[in-house]
C-alpha cells in the first residue's frame, strides 16, 4: 500500500515558487555585478592616489633641488648643493 504524499503543490503554487527562485537568482547576480563594479572603481581610485602621491613626491624633490641650487648660486656655499644632489639621484 502506498502512502499519499504529505503535501503537494498545485500548478499555480509551483509557478509561484519558480518565479520566486528566478527572482532570487536574478537579484543575487545583480548584487555580484554591483560588488564587482565597486571593486573595480576602488582599484581605479587607489591607482589614481598612487599616481598623485608620486607626482607630489617628484614636485617636492624638484623644489628642493631648485632651492638648493639657488642657495648655492647666491652664497657659493657647497652645503646648499646637498638637496640638489639628493634630488638628482
C-alpha atoms as a PDB file:
ATOM      1  CA  UNK A   1       0.000   0.000   0.000  1.00  0.00           C
ATOM      2  CA  UNK A   2       1.358   3.406  -0.949  1.00  0.00           C
ATOM      3  CA  UNK A   3       1.002   6.304   1.349  1.00  0.00           C
ATOM      4  CA  UNK A   4      -0.212   9.579  -0.106  1.00  0.00           C
ATOM      5  CA  UNK A   5       2.288  12.458  -0.071  1.00  0.00           C
ATOM      6  CA  UNK A   6       2.106  14.694   2.948  1.00  0.00           C
ATOM      7  CA  UNK A   7       1.794  17.805   0.869  1.00  0.00           C
ATOM      8  CA  UNK A   8       1.542  18.671  -2.784  1.00  0.00           C
ATOM      9  CA  UNK A   9       1.743  21.830  -4.826  1.00  0.00           C
ATOM     10  CA  UNK A  10      -0.734  22.683  -7.494  1.00  0.00           C
ATOM     11  CA  UNK A  11       0.466  24.202 -10.756  1.00  0.00           C
ATOM     12  CA  UNK A  12      -0.081  27.812  -9.634  1.00  0.00           C
ATOM     13  CA  UNK A  13       1.963  27.276  -6.491  1.00  0.00           C
ATOM     14  CA  UNK A  14       4.733  25.599  -8.464  1.00  0.00           C
ATOM     15  CA  UNK A  15       4.799  28.527 -10.857  1.00  0.00           C
ATOM     16  CA  UNK A  16       4.960  30.970  -7.925  1.00  0.00           C
ATOM     17  CA  UNK A  17       7.882  29.113  -6.350  1.00  0.00           C
ATOM     18  CA  UNK A  18       9.692  29.010  -9.703  1.00  0.00           C
ATOM     19  CA  UNK A  19       9.218  32.751 -10.202  1.00  0.00           C
ATOM     20  CA  UNK A  20      10.421  33.464  -6.663  1.00  0.00           C
ATOM     21  CA  UNK A  21      13.540  31.362  -7.207  1.00  0.00           C
ATOM     22  CA  UNK A  22      14.211  33.061 -10.544  1.00  0.00           C
ATOM     23  CA  UNK A  23      13.908  36.487  -8.907  1.00  0.00           C
ATOM     24  CA  UNK A  24      16.237  35.402  -6.112  1.00  0.00           C
ATOM     25  CA  UNK A  25      18.843  34.261  -8.640  1.00  0.00           C
ATOM     26  CA  UNK A  26      18.452  37.497 -10.625  1.00  0.00           C
ATOM     27  CA  UNK A  27      18.881  39.645  -7.514  1.00  0.00           C
ATOM     28  CA  UNK A  28      21.926  37.595  -6.486  1.00  0.00           C
ATOM     29  CA  UNK A  29      23.507  38.115  -9.912  1.00  0.00           C
ATOM     30  CA  UNK A  30      22.781  41.842  -9.677  1.00  0.00           C
ATOM     31  CA  UNK A  31      24.459  42.048  -6.278  1.00  0.00           C
ATOM     32  CA  UNK A  32      27.548  40.239  -7.561  1.00  0.00           C
ATOM     33  CA  UNK A  33      27.702  42.579 -10.556  1.00  0.00           C
ATOM     34  CA  UNK A  34      27.440  45.670  -8.315  1.00  0.00           C
ATOM     35  CA  UNK A  35      30.136  44.422  -5.930  1.00  0.00           C
ATOM     36  CA  UNK A  36      32.479  43.782  -8.847  1.00  0.00           C
ATOM     37  CA  UNK A  37      31.800  47.297 -10.138  1.00  0.00           C
ATOM     38  CA  UNK A  38      32.577  48.809  -6.738  1.00  0.00           C
ATOM     39  CA  UNK A  39      35.775  46.762  -6.563  1.00  0.00           C
ATOM     40  CA  UNK A  40      36.926  47.995  -9.982  1.00  0.00           C
ATOM     41  CA  UNK A  41      36.130  51.588  -9.008  1.00  0.00           C
ATOM     42  CA  UNK A  42      38.075  51.209  -5.760  1.00  0.00           C
ATOM     43  CA  UNK A  43      41.082  49.862  -7.646  1.00  0.00           C
ATOM     44  CA  UNK A  44      40.952  52.832 -10.050  1.00  0.00           C
ATOM     45  CA  UNK A  45      40.784  55.295  -7.150  1.00  0.00           C
ATOM     46  CA  UNK A  46      43.712  53.580  -5.420  1.00  0.00           C
ATOM     47  CA  UNK A  47      45.759  53.738  -8.631  1.00  0.00           C
ATOM     48  CA  UNK A  48      44.930  57.426  -9.070  1.00  0.00           C
ATOM     49  CA  UNK A  49      46.002  58.169  -5.497  1.00  0.00           C
ATOM     50  CA  UNK A  50      49.297  56.344  -6.054  1.00  0.00           C
ATOM     51  CA  UNK A  51      49.949  58.458  -9.141  1.00  0.00           C
ATOM     52  CA  UNK A  52      49.095  61.669  -7.267  1.00  0.00           C
ATOM     53  CA  UNK A  53      51.469  60.682  -4.440  1.00  0.00           C
ATOM     54  CA  UNK A  54      54.256  60.007  -6.947  1.00  0.00           C
ATOM     55  CA  UNK A  55      53.671  63.407  -8.593  1.00  0.00           C
ATOM     56  CA  UNK A  56      53.694  65.129  -5.199  1.00  0.00           C
ATOM     57  CA  UNK A  57      56.958  63.414  -4.248  1.00  0.00           C
ATOM     58  CA  UNK A  58      58.559  64.417  -7.549  1.00  0.00           C
ATOM     59  CA  UNK A  59      57.385  68.013  -7.127  1.00  0.00           C
ATOM     60  CA  UNK A  60      58.885  68.148  -3.620  1.00  0.00           C
ATOM     61  CA  UNK A  61      62.217  66.847  -4.918  1.00  0.00           C
ATOM     62  CA  UNK A  62      62.224  69.367  -7.757  1.00  0.00           C
ATOM     63  CA  UNK A  63      61.504  72.230  -5.346  1.00  0.00           C
ATOM     64  CA  UNK A  64      64.301  71.003  -3.047  1.00  0.00           C
ATOM     65  CA  UNK A  65      66.706  70.828  -5.990  1.00  0.00           C
ATOM     66  CA  UNK A  66      65.768  74.310  -7.167  1.00  0.00           C
ATOM     67  CA  UNK A  67      66.054  75.749  -3.660  1.00  0.00           C
ATOM     68  CA  UNK A  68      69.452  74.127  -3.117  1.00  0.00           C
ATOM     69  CA  UNK A  69      70.735  75.341  -6.468  1.00  0.00           C
ATOM     70  CA  UNK A  70      69.514  78.864  -5.815  1.00  0.00           C
ATOM     71  CA  UNK A  71      71.099  78.859  -2.352  1.00  0.00           C
ATOM     72  CA  UNK A  72      74.422  77.742  -3.784  1.00  0.00           C
ATOM     73  CA  UNK A  73      74.333  80.312  -6.568  1.00  0.00           C
ATOM     74  CA  UNK A  74      73.572  83.108  -4.091  1.00  0.00           C
ATOM     75  CA  UNK A  75      76.050  82.109  -1.369  1.00  0.00           C
ATOM     76  CA  UNK A  76      78.597  79.873  -3.044  1.00  0.00           C
ATOM     77  CA  UNK A  77      78.431  77.503  -0.067  1.00  0.00           C
ATOM     78  CA  UNK A  78      78.611  73.826  -1.143  1.00  0.00           C
ATOM     79  CA  UNK A  79      76.296  72.576   1.662  1.00  0.00           C
ATOM     80  CA  UNK A  80      73.416  74.179  -0.242  1.00  0.00           C
ATOM     81  CA  UNK A  81      74.057  71.727  -3.077  1.00  0.00           C
ATOM     82  CA  UNK A  82      73.173  68.732  -0.881  1.00  0.00           C
ATOM     83  CA  UNK A  83      69.385  68.877  -1.603  1.00  0.00           C
ATOM     84  CA  UNK A  84      70.213  69.389  -5.280  1.00  0.00           C
ATOM     85  CA  UNK A  85      72.433  66.285  -5.456  1.00  0.00           C
ATOM     86  CA  UNK A  86      69.887  64.198  -3.456  1.00  0.00           C
ATOM     87  CA  UNK A  87      67.139  65.244  -5.855  1.00  0.00           C
ATOM     88  CA  UNK A  88      69.226  64.342  -8.894  1.00  0.00           C
ATOM     89  CA  UNK A  89      69.684  60.804  -7.567  1.00  0.00           C
END
